[in-house]
PDB file of N, CA and C in Angstrom:
ATOM      1  N   MET A   1      77.830  95.877 277.326  1.00  0.00           N
ATOM      2  CA  MET A   1      78.846  96.629 276.621  1.00  0.00           C
ATOM      3  C   MET A   1      78.329  96.922 275.222  1.00  0.00           C
ATOM      4  N   ASP A   2      78.490  98.149 274.808  1.00  0.00           N
ATOM      5  CA  ASP A   2      78.081  98.530 273.468  1.00  0.00           C
ATOM      6  C   ASP A   2      79.218  98.248 272.503  1.00  0.00           C
ATOM      7  N   ILE A   3      78.875  97.796 271.305  1.00  0.00           N
ATOM      8  CA  ILE A   3      79.876  97.538 270.275  1.00  0.00           C
ATOM      9  C   ILE A   3      80.179  98.853 269.572  1.00  0.00           C
ATOM     10  N   ASP A   4      81.457  99.222 269.567  1.00  0.00           N
ATOM     11  CA  ASP A   4      81.897 100.453 268.927  1.00  0.00           C
ATOM     12  C   ASP A   4      82.060 100.191 267.434  1.00  0.00           C
ATOM     13  N   PRO A   5      81.284 100.878 266.564  1.00  0.00           N
ATOM     14  CA  PRO A   5      81.395 100.620 265.126  1.00  0.00           C
ATOM     15  C   PRO A   5      82.772 100.955 264.554  1.00  0.00           C
ATOM     16  N   ALA A   6      83.518 101.814 265.222  1.00  0.00           N
ATOM     17  CA  ALA A   6      84.857 102.172 264.732  1.00  0.00           C
ATOM     18  C   ALA A   6      85.864 101.050 264.983  1.00  0.00           C
ATOM     19  N   SER A   7      85.629 100.218 265.993  1.00  0.00           N
ATOM     20  CA  SER A   7      86.548  99.119 266.297  1.00  0.00           C
ATOM     21  C   SER A   7      85.772  97.904 266.798  1.00  0.00           C
ATOM     22  N   PRO A   8      84.952  97.291 265.916  1.00  0.00           N
ATOM     23  CA  PRO A   8      84.087  96.201 266.367  1.00  0.00           C
ATOM     24  C   PRO A   8      84.845  94.975 266.873  1.00  0.00           C
ATOM     25  N   ARG A   9      85.952  94.585 266.214  1.00  0.00           N
ATOM     26  CA  ARG A   9      86.684  93.393 266.668  1.00  0.00           C
ATOM     27  C   ARG A   9      87.245  93.597 268.064  1.00  0.00           C
ATOM     28  N   GLU A  10      87.805  94.783 268.310  1.00  0.00           N
ATOM     29  CA  GLU A  10      88.383  95.068 269.616  1.00  0.00           C
ATOM     30  C   GLU A  10      87.303  95.094 270.696  1.00  0.00           C
ATOM     31  N   THR A  11      86.154  95.699 270.383  1.00  0.00           N
ATOM     32  CA  THR A  11      85.086  95.801 271.369  1.00  0.00           C
ATOM     33  C   THR A  11      84.509  94.433 271.688  1.00  0.00           C
ATOM     34  N   ILE A  12      84.352  93.586 270.686  1.00  0.00           N
ATOM     35  CA  ILE A  12      83.858  92.231 270.923  1.00  0.00           C
ATOM     36  C   ILE A  12      84.849  91.482 271.809  1.00  0.00           C
ATOM     37  N   PHE A  13      86.152  91.657 271.555  1.00  0.00           N
ATOM     38  CA  PHE A  13      87.137  91.018 272.418  1.00  0.00           C
ATOM     39  C   PHE A  13      86.982  91.503 273.855  1.00  0.00           C
ATOM     40  N   LEU A  14      86.805  92.808 274.037  1.00  0.00           N
ATOM     41  CA  LEU A  14      86.661  93.355 275.387  1.00  0.00           C
ATOM     42  C   LEU A  14      85.476  92.731 276.112  1.00  0.00           C
ATOM     43  N   LYS A  15      84.403  92.517 275.398  1.00  0.00           N
ATOM     44  CA  LYS A  15      83.222  91.902 276.008  1.00  0.00           C
ATOM     45  C   LYS A  15      83.566  90.496 276.504  1.00  0.00           C
ATOM     46  N   ASP A  16      84.238  89.713 275.668  1.00  0.00           N
ATOM     47  CA  ASP A  16      84.643  88.362 276.075  1.00  0.00           C
ATOM     48  C   ASP A  16      85.633  88.406 277.234  1.00  0.00           C
ATOM     49  N   ALA A  17      86.585  89.331 277.168  1.00  0.00           N
ATOM     50  CA  ALA A  17      87.588  89.445 278.231  1.00  0.00           C
ATOM     51  C   ALA A  17      86.940  89.853 279.543  1.00  0.00           C
ATOM     52  N   LEU A  18      85.946  90.731 279.486  1.00  0.00           N
ATOM     53  CA  LEU A  18      85.241  91.156 280.693  1.00  0.00           C
ATOM     54  C   LEU A  18      84.505  89.970 281.318  1.00  0.00           C
ATOM     55  N   ASN A  19      83.817  89.189 280.485  1.00  0.00           N
ATOM     56  CA  ASN A  19      83.124  88.002 280.996  1.00  0.00           C
ATOM     57  C   ASN A  19      84.108  87.062 281.694  1.00  0.00           C
ATOM     58  N   ASP A  20      85.244  86.812 281.050  1.00  0.00           N
ATOM     59  CA  ASP A  20      86.265  85.936 281.637  1.00  0.00           C
ATOM     60  C   ASP A  20      86.817  86.515 282.932  1.00  0.00           C
ATOM     61  N   ALA A  21      87.075  87.816 282.937  1.00  0.00           N
ATOM     62  CA  ALA A  21      87.649  88.464 284.121  1.00  0.00           C
ATOM     63  C   ALA A  21      86.682  88.416 285.296  1.00  0.00           C
ATOM     64  N   VAL A  22      85.408  88.675 285.045  1.00  0.00           N
ATOM     65  CA  VAL A  22      84.413  88.630 286.118  1.00  0.00           C
ATOM     66  C   VAL A  22      84.357  87.227 286.705  1.00  0.00           C
ATOM     67  N   TYR A  23      84.340  86.220 285.849  1.00  0.00           N
ATOM     68  CA  TYR A  23      84.266  84.849 286.340  1.00  0.00           C
ATOM     69  C   TYR A  23      85.542  84.467 287.099  1.00  0.00           C
ATOM     70  N   THR A  24      86.695  84.820 286.564  1.00  0.00           N
ATOM     71  CA  THR A  24      87.975  84.474 287.195  1.00  0.00           C
ATOM     72  C   THR A  24      88.158  85.191 288.527  1.00  0.00           C
ATOM     73  N   ILE A  25      87.880  86.487 288.551  1.00  0.00           N
ATOM     74  CA  ILE A  25      88.152  87.289 289.744  1.00  0.00           C
ATOM     75  C   ILE A  25      87.043  87.133 290.794  1.00  0.00           C
ATOM     76  N   LEU A  26      85.787  87.160 290.346  1.00  0.00           N
ATOM     77  CA  LEU A  26      84.677  87.140 291.291  1.00  0.00           C
ATOM     78  C   LEU A  26      84.031  85.769 291.461  1.00  0.00           C
ATOM     79  N   GLY A  27      84.362  84.831 290.565  1.00  0.00           N
ATOM     80  CA  GLY A  27      83.766  83.506 290.643  1.00  0.00           C
ATOM     81  C   GLY A  27      82.301  83.494 290.256  1.00  0.00           C
ATOM     82  N   LYS A  28      81.864  84.494 289.474  1.00  0.00           N
ATOM     83  CA  LYS A  28      80.463  84.596 289.055  1.00  0.00           C
ATOM     84  C   LYS A  28      80.390  84.849 287.561  1.00  0.00           C
ATOM     85  N   ASN A  29      79.288  84.433 286.974  1.00  0.00           N
ATOM     86  CA  ASN A  29      79.047  84.737 285.571  1.00  0.00           C
ATOM     87  C   ASN A  29      78.493  86.148 285.457  1.00  0.00           C
ATOM     88  N   VAL A  30      78.657  86.736 284.290  1.00  0.00           N
ATOM     89  CA  VAL A  30      78.121  88.070 284.044  1.00  0.00           C
ATOM     90  C   VAL A  30      76.608  87.969 283.947  1.00  0.00           C
ATOM     91  N   CYS A  31      75.940  88.833 284.671  1.00  0.00           N
ATOM     92  CA  CYS A  31      74.480  88.891 284.721  1.00  0.00           C
ATOM     93  C   CYS A  31      73.984  89.706 283.526  1.00  0.00           C
ATOM     94  N   GLN A  32      72.890  89.275 282.921  1.00  0.00           N
ATOM     95  CA  GLN A  32      72.327  90.001 281.782  1.00  0.00           C
ATOM     96  C   GLN A  32      71.090  90.829 282.151  1.00  0.00           C
ATOM     97  N   ASN A  33      70.302  90.358 283.108  1.00  0.00           N
ATOM     98  CA  ASN A  33      69.065  91.048 283.506  1.00  0.00           C
ATOM     99  C   ASN A  33      68.975  91.103 285.029  1.00  0.00           C
ATOM    100  N   ASN A  34      68.329  92.153 285.554  1.00  0.00           N
ATOM    101  CA  ASN A  34      68.141  92.317 286.999  1.00  0.00           C
ATOM    102  C   ASN A  34      69.455  92.200 287.769  1.00  0.00           C
ATOM    103  N   CYS A  35      70.457  92.931 287.330  1.00  0.00           N
ATOM    104  CA  CYS A  35      71.796  92.861 287.921  1.00  0.00           C
ATOM    105  C   CYS A  35      71.934  93.859 289.072  1.00  0.00           C
ATOM    106  N   ASP A  36      72.738  93.497 290.055  1.00  0.00           N
ATOM    107  CA  ASP A  36      73.028  94.423 291.162  1.00  0.00           C
ATOM    108  C   ASP A  36      73.950  95.549 290.708  1.00  0.00           C
ATOM    109  N   THR A  37      74.881  95.216 289.848  1.00  0.00           N
ATOM    110  CA  THR A  37      75.870  96.193 289.385  1.00  0.00           C
ATOM    111  C   THR A  37      75.967  96.129 287.875  1.00  0.00           C
ATOM    112  N   ILE A  38      76.060  97.295 287.257  1.00  0.00           N
ATOM    113  CA  ILE A  38      76.201  97.380 285.799  1.00  0.00           C
ATOM    114  C   ILE A  38      77.547  98.036 285.501  1.00  0.00           C
ATOM    115  N   ILE A  39      78.324  97.382 284.654  1.00  0.00           N
ATOM    116  CA  ILE A  39      79.618  97.929 284.223  1.00  0.00           C
ATOM    117  C   ILE A  39      79.567  98.125 282.716  1.00  0.00           C
ATOM    118  N   LYS A  40      79.809  99.349 282.280  1.00  0.00           N
ATOM    119  CA  LYS A  40      79.912  99.639 280.856  1.00  0.00           C
ATOM    120  C   LYS A  40      81.363  99.991 280.575  1.00  0.00           C
ATOM    121  N   ILE A  41      81.956  99.285 279.623  1.00  0.00           N
ATOM    122  CA  ILE A  41      83.358  99.520 279.274  1.00  0.00           C
ATOM    123  C   ILE A  41      83.443  99.765 277.782  1.00  0.00           C
ATOM    124  N   ASN A  42      84.153 100.815 277.423  1.00  0.00           N
ATOM    125  CA  ASN A  42      84.352 101.139 276.014  1.00  0.00           C
ATOM    126  C   ASN A  42      85.804 101.516 275.771  1.00  0.00           C
ATOM    127  N   PRO A  43      86.344 101.097 274.623  1.00  0.00           N
ATOM    128  CA  PRO A  43      87.699 101.514 274.285  1.00  0.00           C
ATOM    129  C   PRO A  43      87.725 103.002 273.982  1.00  0.00           C
ATOM    130  N   LYS A  44      88.632 103.719 274.623  1.00  0.00           N
ATOM    131  CA  LYS A  44      88.780 105.161 274.401  1.00  0.00           C
ATOM    132  C   LYS A  44      89.822 105.411 273.311  1.00  0.00           C
ATOM    133  N   SER A  45      90.941 104.683 273.400  1.00  0.00           N
ATOM    134  CA  SER A  45      91.984 104.814 272.376  1.00  0.00           C
ATOM    135  C   SER A  45      92.894 103.599 272.429  1.00  0.00           C
ATOM    136  N   SER A  46      93.641 103.406 271.354  1.00  0.00           N
ATOM    137  CA  SER A  46      94.655 102.361 271.326  1.00  0.00           C
ATOM    138  C   SER A  46      95.774 102.813 270.401  1.00  0.00           C
ATOM    139  N   SER A  47      96.960 102.264 270.665  1.00  0.00           N
ATOM    140  CA  SER A  47      98.107 102.630 269.830  1.00  0.00           C
ATOM    141  C   SER A  47      99.096 101.485 269.784  1.00  0.00           C
ATOM    142  N   LEU A  48      99.927 101.511 268.766  1.00  0.00           N
ATOM    143  CA  LEU A  48     101.024 100.564 268.601  1.00  0.00           C
ATOM    144  C   LEU A  48     102.269 101.402 268.316  1.00  0.00           C
ATOM    145  N   THR A  49     103.227 101.364 269.246  1.00  0.00           N
ATOM    146  CA  THR A  49     104.378 102.253 269.177  1.00  0.00           C
ATOM    147  C   THR A  49     105.686 101.460 269.155  1.00  0.00           C
ATOM    148  N   PRO A  50     106.574 101.735 268.201  1.00  0.00           N
ATOM    149  CA  PRO A  50     107.882 101.099 268.242  1.00  0.00           C
ATOM    150  C   PRO A  50     108.704 101.649 269.417  1.00  0.00           C
ATOM    151  N   LEU A  51     109.371 100.757 270.144  1.00  0.00           N
ATOM    152  CA  LEU A  51     110.173 101.162 271.301  1.00  0.00           C
ATOM    153  C   LEU A  51     111.673 101.024 271.078  1.00  0.00           C
ATOM    154  N   ASP A  52     112.060 100.084 270.214  1.00  0.00           N
ATOM    155  CA  ASP A  52     113.483  99.840 269.994  1.00  0.00           C
ATOM    156  C   ASP A  52     113.697  99.433 268.542  1.00  0.00           C
ATOM    157  N   TYR A  53     114.891  99.704 268.054  1.00  0.00           N
ATOM    158  CA  TYR A  53     115.220  99.453 266.654  1.00  0.00           C
ATOM    159  C   TYR A  53     116.516  98.656 266.571  1.00  0.00           C
ATOM    160  N   ASP A  54     116.675  97.920 265.468  1.00  0.00           N
ATOM    161  CA  ASP A  54     117.933  97.200 265.265  1.00  0.00           C
ATOM    162  C   ASP A  54     118.963  98.151 264.652  1.00  0.00           C
ATOM    163  N   GLU A  55     120.144  97.616 264.347  1.00  0.00           N
ATOM    164  CA  GLU A  55     121.232  98.461 263.828  1.00  0.00           C
ATOM    165  C   GLU A  55     120.928  99.078 262.460  1.00  0.00           C
ATOM    166  N   ASN A  56     119.926  98.520 261.746  1.00  0.00           N
ATOM    167  CA  ASN A  56     119.535  99.054 260.438  1.00  0.00           C
ATOM    168  C   ASN A  56     118.340 100.004 260.517  1.00  0.00           C
ATOM    169  N   GLY A  57     117.870 100.250 261.720  1.00  0.00           N
ATOM    170  CA  GLY A  57     116.765 101.184 261.895  1.00  0.00           C
ATOM    171  C   GLY A  57     115.381 100.573 261.815  1.00  0.00           C
ATOM    172  N   PHE A  58     115.303  99.233 261.802  1.00  0.00           N
ATOM    173  CA  PHE A  58     114.001  98.569 261.756  1.00  0.00           C
ATOM    174  C   PHE A  58     113.487  98.317 263.170  1.00  0.00           C
ATOM    175  N   PRO A  59     112.188  98.549 263.401  1.00  0.00           N
ATOM    176  CA  PRO A  59     111.636  98.302 264.740  1.00  0.00           C
ATOM    177  C   PRO A  59     111.720  96.820 265.114  1.00  0.00           C
ATOM    178  N   VAL A  60     112.137  96.542 266.344  1.00  0.00           N
ATOM    179  CA  VAL A  60     112.217  95.167 266.840  1.00  0.00           C
ATOM    180  C   VAL A  60     111.471  94.994 268.160  1.00  0.00           C
ATOM    181  N   LEU A  61     110.999  96.095 268.745  1.00  0.00           N
ATOM    182  CA  LEU A  61     110.231  96.039 269.992  1.00  0.00           C
ATOM    183  C   LEU A  61     109.091  97.040 269.894  1.00  0.00           C
ATOM    184  N   TYR A  62     107.892  96.562 270.186  1.00  0.00           N
ATOM    185  CA  TYR A  62     106.696  97.402 270.116  1.00  0.00           C
ATOM    186  C   TYR A  62     105.967  97.403 271.451  1.00  0.00           C
ATOM    187  N   ARG A  63     105.164  98.444 271.666  1.00  0.00           N
ATOM    188  CA  ARG A  63     104.240  98.493 272.804  1.00  0.00           C
ATOM    189  C   ARG A  63     102.835  98.752 272.262  1.00  0.00           C
ATOM    190  N   SER A  64     101.948  97.849 272.614  1.00  0.00           N
ATOM    191  CA  SER A  64     100.531  98.044 272.331  1.00  0.00           C
ATOM    192  C   SER A  64      99.914  98.634 273.585  1.00  0.00           C
ATOM    193  N   SER A  65      99.212  99.752 273.437  1.00  0.00           N
ATOM    194  CA  SER A  65      98.571 100.413 274.587  1.00  0.00           C
ATOM    195  C   SER A  65      97.092 100.606 274.291  1.00  0.00           C
ATOM    196  N   VAL A  66      96.300 100.515 275.349  1.00  0.00           N
ATOM    197  CA  VAL A  66      94.867 100.728 275.215  1.00  0.00           C
ATOM    198  C   VAL A  66      94.379 101.517 276.427  1.00  0.00           C
ATOM    199  N   VAL A  67      93.452 102.426 276.180  1.00  0.00           N
ATOM    200  CA  VAL A  67      92.803 103.176 277.254  1.00  0.00           C
ATOM    201  C   VAL A  67      91.331 102.791 277.220  1.00  0.00           C
ATOM    202  N   LEU A  68      90.832 102.341 278.378  1.00  0.00           N
ATOM    203  CA  LEU A  68      89.431 101.958 278.498  1.00  0.00           C
ATOM    204  C   LEU A  68      88.704 102.922 279.418  1.00  0.00           C
ATOM    205  N   LYS A  69      87.500 103.271 279.052  1.00  0.00           N
ATOM    206  CA  LYS A  69      86.637 104.088 279.915  1.00  0.00           C
ATOM    207  C   LYS A  69      85.545 103.168 280.453  1.00  0.00           C
ATOM    208  N   ALA A  70      85.358 103.199 281.760  1.00  0.00           N
ATOM    209  CA  ALA A  70      84.362 102.331 282.383  1.00  0.00           C
ATOM    210  C   ALA A  70      83.448 103.146 283.282  1.00  0.00           C
ATOM    211  N   THR A  71      82.177 102.787 283.275  1.00  0.00           N
ATOM    212  CA  THR A  71      81.201 103.370 284.178  1.00  0.00           C
ATOM    213  C   THR A  71      80.557 102.230 284.954  1.00  0.00           C
ATOM    214  N   LEU A  72      80.564 102.350 286.273  1.00  0.00           N
ATOM    215  CA  LEU A  72      79.991 101.336 287.143  1.00  0.00           C
ATOM    216  C   LEU A  72      78.808 101.961 287.868  1.00  0.00           C
ATOM    217  N   LYS A  73      77.668 101.275 287.837  1.00  0.00           N
ATOM    218  CA  LYS A  73      76.478 101.749 288.538  1.00  0.00           C
ATOM    219  C   LYS A  73      76.021 100.630 289.465  1.00  0.00           C
ATOM    220  N   ASP A  74      75.980 100.917 290.774  1.00  0.00           N
ATOM    221  CA  ASP A  74      75.597  99.880 291.734  1.00  0.00           C
ATOM    222  C   ASP A  74      74.085  99.835 291.929  1.00  0.00           C
ATOM    223  N   LYS A  75      73.623  98.888 292.737  1.00  0.00           N
ATOM    224  CA  LYS A  75      72.189  98.683 292.923  1.00  0.00           C
ATOM    225  C   LYS A  75      71.483  99.854 293.598  1.00  0.00           C
ATOM    226  N   PHE A  76      72.264 100.762 294.208  1.00  0.00           N
ATOM    227  CA  PHE A  76      71.684 101.947 294.843  1.00  0.00           C
ATOM    228  C   PHE A  76      71.668 103.144 293.894  1.00  0.00           C
ATOM    229  N   GLY A  77      72.130 102.943 292.665  1.00  0.00           N
ATOM    230  CA  GLY A  77      72.146 104.004 291.674  1.00  0.00           C
ATOM    231  C   GLY A  77      73.397 104.863 291.702  1.00  0.00           C
ATOM    232  N   LYS A  78      74.338 104.542 292.583  1.00  0.00           N
ATOM    233  CA  LYS A  78      75.579 105.316 292.662  1.00  0.00           C
ATOM    234  C   LYS A  78      76.460 104.972 291.461  1.00  0.00           C
ATOM    235  N   LYS A  79      76.933 106.040 290.779  1.00  0.00           N
ATOM    236  CA  LYS A  79      77.772 105.866 289.598  1.00  0.00           C
ATOM    237  C   LYS A  79      79.208 106.230 289.901  1.00  0.00           C
ATOM    238  N   ARG A  80      80.122 105.447 289.349  1.00  0.00           N
ATOM    239  CA  ARG A  80      81.551 105.762 289.418  1.00  0.00           C
ATOM    240  C   ARG A  80      82.136 105.592 288.024  1.00  0.00           C
ATOM    241  N   GLU A  81      83.039 106.491 287.679  1.00  0.00           N
ATOM    242  CA  GLU A  81      83.681 106.407 286.375  1.00  0.00           C
ATOM    243  C   GLU A  81      85.159 106.144 286.550  1.00  0.00           C
ATOM    244  N   TYR A  82      85.694 105.359 285.637  1.00  0.00           N
ATOM    245  CA  TYR A  82      87.102 104.978 285.678  1.00  0.00           C
ATOM    246  C   TYR A  82      87.702 105.127 284.286  1.00  0.00           C
ATOM    247  N   SER A  83      88.978 105.411 284.267  1.00  0.00           N
ATOM    248  CA  SER A  83      89.752 105.375 283.042  1.00  0.00           C
ATOM    249  C   SER A  83      91.023 104.601 283.371  1.00  0.00           C
ATOM    250  N   VAL A  84      91.282 103.549 282.614  1.00  0.00           N
ATOM    251  CA  VAL A  84      92.453 102.712 282.875  1.00  0.00           C
ATOM    252  C   VAL A  84      93.246 102.507 281.595  1.00  0.00           C
ATOM    253  N   THR A  85      94.539 102.367 281.762  1.00  0.00           N
ATOM    254  CA  THR A  85      95.444 102.134 280.644  1.00  0.00           C
ATOM    255  C   THR A  85      96.131 100.798 280.829  1.00  0.00           C
ATOM    256  N   GLY A  86      96.208 100.050 279.772  1.00  0.00           N
ATOM    257  CA  GLY A  86      96.936  98.786 279.791  1.00  0.00           C
ATOM    258  C   GLY A  86      97.937  98.778 278.654  1.00  0.00           C
ATOM    259  N   SER A  87      99.007  98.019 278.839  1.00  0.00           N
ATOM    260  CA  SER A  87      99.999  97.935 277.773  1.00  0.00           C
ATOM    261  C   SER A  87     100.575  96.526 277.699  1.00  0.00           C
ATOM    262  N   TYR A  88     101.167  96.242 276.565  1.00  0.00           N
ATOM    263  CA  TYR A  88     101.821  94.956 276.330  1.00  0.00           C
ATOM    264  C   TYR A  88     102.983  95.196 275.381  1.00  0.00           C
ATOM    265  N   ASP A  89     104.184  94.795 275.792  1.00  0.00           N
ATOM    266  CA  ASP A  89     105.389  94.931 274.966  1.00  0.00           C
ATOM    267  C   ASP A  89     105.700  93.595 274.307  1.00  0.00           C
ATOM    268  N   PHE A  90     106.091  93.649 273.035  1.00  0.00           N
ATOM    269  CA  PHE A  90     106.452  92.413 272.339  1.00  0.00           C
ATOM    270  C   PHE A  90     107.561  92.663 271.324  1.00  0.00           C
ATOM    271  N   LYS A  91     108.379  91.623 271.144  1.00  0.00           N
ATOM    272  CA  LYS A  91     109.499  91.692 270.207  1.00  0.00           C
ATOM    273  C   LYS A  91     109.102  91.073 268.878  1.00  0.00           C
ATOM    274  N   VAL A  92     109.726  91.568 267.833  1.00  0.00           N
ATOM    275  CA  VAL A  92     109.604  90.986 266.501  1.00  0.00           C
ATOM    276  C   VAL A  92     110.990  90.955 265.885  1.00  0.00           C
ATOM    277  N   THR A  93     111.156  90.138 264.875  1.00  0.00           N
ATOM    278  CA  THR A  93     112.432  90.153 264.159  1.00  0.00           C
ATOM    279  C   THR A  93     112.382  91.286 263.149  1.00  0.00           C
ATOM    280  N   SER A  94     113.533  91.792 262.801  1.00  0.00           N
ATOM    281  CA  SER A  94     113.588  92.961 261.915  1.00  0.00           C
ATOM    282  C   SER A  94     113.033  92.673 260.528  1.00  0.00           C
ATOM    283  N   ASP A  95     112.986  91.405 260.127  1.00  0.00           N
ATOM    284  CA  ASP A  95     112.470  91.074 258.802  1.00  0.00           C
ATOM    285  C   ASP A  95     111.005  90.626 258.840  1.00  0.00           C
ATOM    286  N   SER A  96     110.348  90.726 259.998  1.00  0.00           N
ATOM    287  CA  SER A  96     108.961  90.279 260.092  1.00  0.00           C
ATOM    288  C   SER A  96     107.987  91.414 259.760  1.00  0.00           C
ATOM    289  N   VAL A  97     106.794  91.026 259.390  1.00  0.00           N
ATOM    290  CA  VAL A  97     105.723  91.967 259.064  1.00  0.00           C
ATOM    291  C   VAL A  97     104.725  91.941 260.224  1.00  0.00           C
ATOM    292  N   ILE A  98     104.294  93.121 260.650  1.00  0.00           N
ATOM    293  CA  ILE A  98     103.301  93.210 261.709  1.00  0.00           C
ATOM    294  C   ILE A  98     101.927  92.976 261.070  1.00  0.00           C
ATOM    295  N   THR A  99     101.386  91.788 261.266  1.00  0.00           N
ATOM    296  CA  THR A  99     100.098  91.435 260.671  1.00  0.00           C
ATOM    297  C   THR A  99      98.955  91.959 261.542  1.00  0.00           C
ATOM    298  N   ASP A 100      97.750  91.975 260.961  1.00  0.00           N
ATOM    299  CA  ASP A 100      96.568  92.377 261.729  1.00  0.00           C
ATOM    300  C   ASP A 100      96.353  91.435 262.907  1.00  0.00           C
ATOM    301  N   GLN A 101      96.637  90.140 262.711  1.00  0.00           N
ATOM    302  CA  GLN A 101      96.458  89.171 263.794  1.00  0.00           C
ATOM    303  C   GLN A 101      97.417  89.457 264.938  1.00  0.00           C
ATOM    304  N   LEU A 102      98.657  89.791 264.623  1.00  0.00           N
ATOM    305  CA  LEU A 102      99.639  90.129 265.658  1.00  0.00           C
ATOM    306  C   LEU A 102      99.221  91.394 266.407  1.00  0.00           C
ATOM    307  N   LYS A 103      98.708  92.375 265.674  1.00  0.00           N
ATOM    308  CA  LYS A 103      98.221  93.610 266.304  1.00  0.00           C
ATOM    309  C   LYS A 103      97.040  93.316 267.234  1.00  0.00           C
ATOM    310  N   LEU A 104      96.111  92.475 266.771  1.00  0.00           N
ATOM    311  CA  LEU A 104      94.945  92.146 267.584  1.00  0.00           C
ATOM    312  C   LEU A 104      95.352  91.366 268.841  1.00  0.00           C
ATOM    313  N   ASP A 105      96.281  90.425 268.703  1.00  0.00           N
ATOM    314  CA  ASP A 105      96.754  89.669 269.872  1.00  0.00           C
ATOM    315  C   ASP A 105      97.399  90.600 270.893  1.00  0.00           C
ATOM    316  N   ALA A 106      98.196  91.548 270.423  1.00  0.00           N
ATOM    317  CA  ALA A 106      98.823  92.508 271.332  1.00  0.00           C
ATOM    318  C   ALA A 106      97.769  93.396 271.982  1.00  0.00           C
ATOM    319  N   TYR A 107      96.754  93.797 271.220  1.00  0.00           N
ATOM    320  CA  TYR A 107      95.645  94.597 271.756  1.00  0.00           C
ATOM    321  C   TYR A 107      94.916  93.829 272.854  1.00  0.00           C
ATOM    322  N   LYS A 108      94.683  92.536 272.607  1.00  0.00           N
ATOM    323  CA  LYS A 108      94.011  91.697 273.609  1.00  0.00           C
ATOM    324  C   LYS A 108      94.805  91.678 274.907  1.00  0.00           C
ATOM    325  N   LYS A 109      96.101  91.478 274.807  1.00  0.00           N
ATOM    326  CA  LYS A 109      96.927  91.395 276.011  1.00  0.00           C
ATOM    327  C   LYS A 109      96.988  92.737 276.738  1.00  0.00           C
ATOM    328  N   ALA A 110      97.037  93.834 275.988  1.00  0.00           N
ATOM    329  CA  ALA A 110      97.007  95.162 276.614  1.00  0.00           C
ATOM    330  C   ALA A 110      95.649  95.400 277.284  1.00  0.00           C
ATOM    331  N   SER A 111      94.574  94.917 276.662  1.00  0.00           N
ATOM    332  CA  SER A 111      93.227  95.068 277.227  1.00  0.00           C
ATOM    333  C   SER A 111      93.078  94.259 278.508  1.00  0.00           C
ATOM    334  N   ILE A 112      93.627  93.066 278.540  1.00  0.00           N
ATOM    335  CA  ILE A 112      93.582  92.253 279.764  1.00  0.00           C
ATOM    336  C   ILE A 112      94.319  92.977 280.885  1.00  0.00           C
ATOM    337  N   ASN A 113      95.455  93.577 280.544  1.00  0.00           N
ATOM    338  CA  ASN A 113      96.214  94.358 281.531  1.00  0.00           C
ATOM    339  C   ASN A 113      95.355  95.508 282.064  1.00  0.00           C
ATOM    340  N   ALA A 114      94.650  96.196 281.175  1.00  0.00           N
ATOM    341  CA  ALA A 114      93.780  97.313 281.589  1.00  0.00           C
ATOM    342  C   ALA A 114      92.613  96.819 282.441  1.00  0.00           C
ATOM    343  N   LEU A 115      92.016  95.683 282.068  1.00  0.00           N
ATOM    344  CA  LEU A 115      90.907  95.141 282.851  1.00  0.00           C
ATOM    345  C   LEU A 115      91.358  94.742 284.251  1.00  0.00           C
ATOM    346  N   ASN A 116      92.553  94.184 284.372  1.00  0.00           N
ATOM    347  CA  ASN A 116      93.090  93.859 285.696  1.00  0.00           C
ATOM    348  C   ASN A 116      93.220  95.117 286.548  1.00  0.00           C
ATOM    349  N   LYS A 117      93.690  96.201 285.949  1.00  0.00           N
ATOM    350  CA  LYS A 117      93.806  97.476 286.672  1.00  0.00           C
ATOM    351  C   LYS A 117      92.425  98.011 287.049  1.00  0.00           C
ATOM    352  N   LEU A 118      91.463  97.849 286.150  1.00  0.00           N
ATOM    353  CA  LEU A 118      90.105  98.302 286.434  1.00  0.00           C
ATOM    354  C   LEU A 118      89.539  97.572 287.654  1.00  0.00           C
ATOM    355  N   PHE A 119      89.664  96.248 287.672  1.00  0.00           N
ATOM    356  CA  PHE A 119      89.128  95.497 288.803  1.00  0.00           C
ATOM    357  C   PHE A 119      89.866  95.819 290.090  1.00  0.00           C
ATOM    358  N   ALA A 120      91.149  96.122 290.007  1.00  0.00           N
ATOM    359  CA  ALA A 120      91.886  96.537 291.201  1.00  0.00           C
ATOM    360  C   ALA A 120      91.332  97.855 291.736  1.00  0.00           C
ATOM    361  N   LYS A 121      91.040  98.799 290.841  1.00  0.00           N
ATOM    362  CA  LYS A 121      90.469 100.091 291.270  1.00  0.00           C
ATOM    363  C   LYS A 121      89.082  99.908 291.873  1.00  0.00           C
ATOM    364  N   ILE A 122      88.258  99.068 291.236  1.00  0.00           N
ATOM    365  CA  ILE A 122      86.906  98.826 291.750  1.00  0.00           C
ATOM    366  C   ILE A 122      86.984  98.175 293.125  1.00  0.00           C
ATOM    367  N   THR A 123      87.875  97.208 293.285  1.00  0.00           N
ATOM    368  CA  THR A 123      88.049  96.534 294.573  1.00  0.00           C
ATOM    369  C   THR A 123      88.518  97.508 295.636  1.00  0.00           C
ATOM    370  N   LYS A 124      89.461  98.374 295.289  1.00  0.00           N
ATOM    371  CA  LYS A 124      89.973  99.371 296.225  1.00  0.00           C
ATOM    372  C   LYS A 124      88.854 100.325 296.659  1.00  0.00           C
ATOM    373  N   ASP A 125      88.056 100.779 295.701  1.00  0.00           N
ATOM    374  CA  ASP A 125      86.938 101.667 296.030  1.00  0.00           C
ATOM    375  C   ASP A 125      85.943 100.976 296.958  1.00  0.00           C
ATOM    376  N   GLY A 126      85.671  99.696 296.720  1.00  0.00           N
ATOM    377  CA  GLY A 126      84.754  98.953 297.574  1.00  0.00           C
ATOM    378  C   GLY A 126      85.298  98.772 298.978  1.00  0.00           C
ATOM    379  N   ALA A 127      86.609  98.575 299.108  1.00  0.00           N
ATOM    380  CA  ALA A 127      87.229  98.386 300.418  1.00  0.00           C
ATOM    381  C   ALA A 127      87.251  99.684 301.219  1.00  0.00           C
ATOM    382  N   GLU A 128      87.246 100.828 300.543  1.00  0.00           N
ATOM    383  CA  GLU A 128      87.302 102.118 301.211  1.00  0.00           C
ATOM    384  C   GLU A 128      85.945 102.597 301.703  1.00  0.00           C
ATOM    385  N   LYS A 129      84.892 101.862 301.392  1.00  0.00           N
ATOM    386  CA  LYS A 129      83.542 102.266 301.825  1.00  0.00           C
ATOM    387  C   LYS A 129      83.401 102.234 303.304  1.00  0.00           C
TER     388      LYS A 129
END
C-alpha cells in the first residue's frame, strides 16, 4: 500500500487494518515478497457529515464515510478493480467538541466497514469463477 501524502495517518491506519483483516479473514499474514496476489488499496475520499441536531441546532449525530479504491492482481496477472464505501455513525453530546482523535477513530471504523465489504466482493468474485 502506498502512503498518500495528503492523508498519511489515514493511509497508515488502512495498512494496519488490511493486515489485520487478511489475518482474521484468511488466517494468513500479509506477504511482502513473491506473493500470489497483490492488493493495492488507497483512500479515494472521506467525509464527516452531521445527521441529526438537538433542539438548539447543534449536531448530535454524525456519519463518517470513506471510499476506498482497490486493485487486485492475481498470480496469473489478471487485474480486478474495486471501489467500496464504508460508514460509521456516532453520537456526541451537544456541548462536546469533535476532536481530531474522535474523527480518526470514526474514520478507522468506517474504513473497517469498507474493508469488510471489499473482502466480501473479492470472495464473491472468487466463488463465481
